[in-house]
Amino acid sequence: MTAAGAAWLDGELVDPGATLVALDDHGLTVGDGVFETLLVRGGRAPAWERHAARLETALAATGIGPLEHDLADAVATVVAASGLDDARVRITITSGPGPGGLRRGPRPTVLVLATPLGPPPPPAAVVTAPWARNERGPLVGVKTTSYGEAAALLARAAAVGADDVLLGDTRGRLSEAITANVVVELDGSALTPSLACGCLPGTVRAVLLEAGTVEEAEIPLGRVREASEVVLTSAVAGVRPVAHVDGTALPRVDGPLAAHVRATLDEGD
């Protein structure tokens, strides 16, 4: 639709810059919604099936639905309308307009937005946090639109000159970064936290586990400072090396671990 991308709302292409969501939409008033963000390369979303399956799980976990539209068609429509070969596509599904309070209305809101990809981020400085990711919460592992906690964490990181935060679970085990999974090299092994630690079941994480590039482990949060190399992984950013943990430089930045992870993802495409 424009150089800035394209948008699709409840069955129709709309102006990406327009304000069209109802003011009583519960995605706005109480953060009642779920989302997926996927990478488009060459006009196609190579990991669509993984994202669609995770979104279906999230809708079941939250009880939002049923949907009236085919999401695969919506994504294809908005990508074609955007004119972008490479794009970031976000699918947001809220419980829709509803009465005051928490009781839901009758119809979900579905928004699909395609925007240009930004440049790859530089190696990250991360800090560990005293707050816990609750691995026993009712929506653990679900990408909800209630991201106030994540925004607050990112602001705290920026205040101390860091780019991201590493969170532990309630038992002090490494869980994840704010919006990314974590891979650490410890004692010669490439490890990523198990889902029991409350981390998101990331699509990149799944590819790495299936390929045998990484293995699941329960990693004490403090041991990240002992790692030879650390990378953050996510669907759109891909692989982001970590340069510093709590102000201490890691022995390797964008080294063999990052190269192996990237090679696995390239083979998966």
Foldseek 3Di string as FASTA:
>chain_A
DDLFFWKDKQHRTDDPPDDDADPQFCCPVPQAKAKDKAKAAQLHTLLVVVRVVLVVVLCVLSVADDAPDDVVVVQSVRSVVGPDNIWIKMWMKGLGGDDPDDDGDDHIMIMIIIGHADDQDAAWAEEEDPDAQELPDSNQQTGTSPLPVLVVQCVVQVVVPGRWYFHWHPVQWTAAISAWWKWFADPNATETADSSRRHHPAPLVVLCVVVVLHYHDGHRPVCSQVTQWMWTAHRRSGTHTHQHYNRHGHNDTCDPSVVSSVVSVVVSD
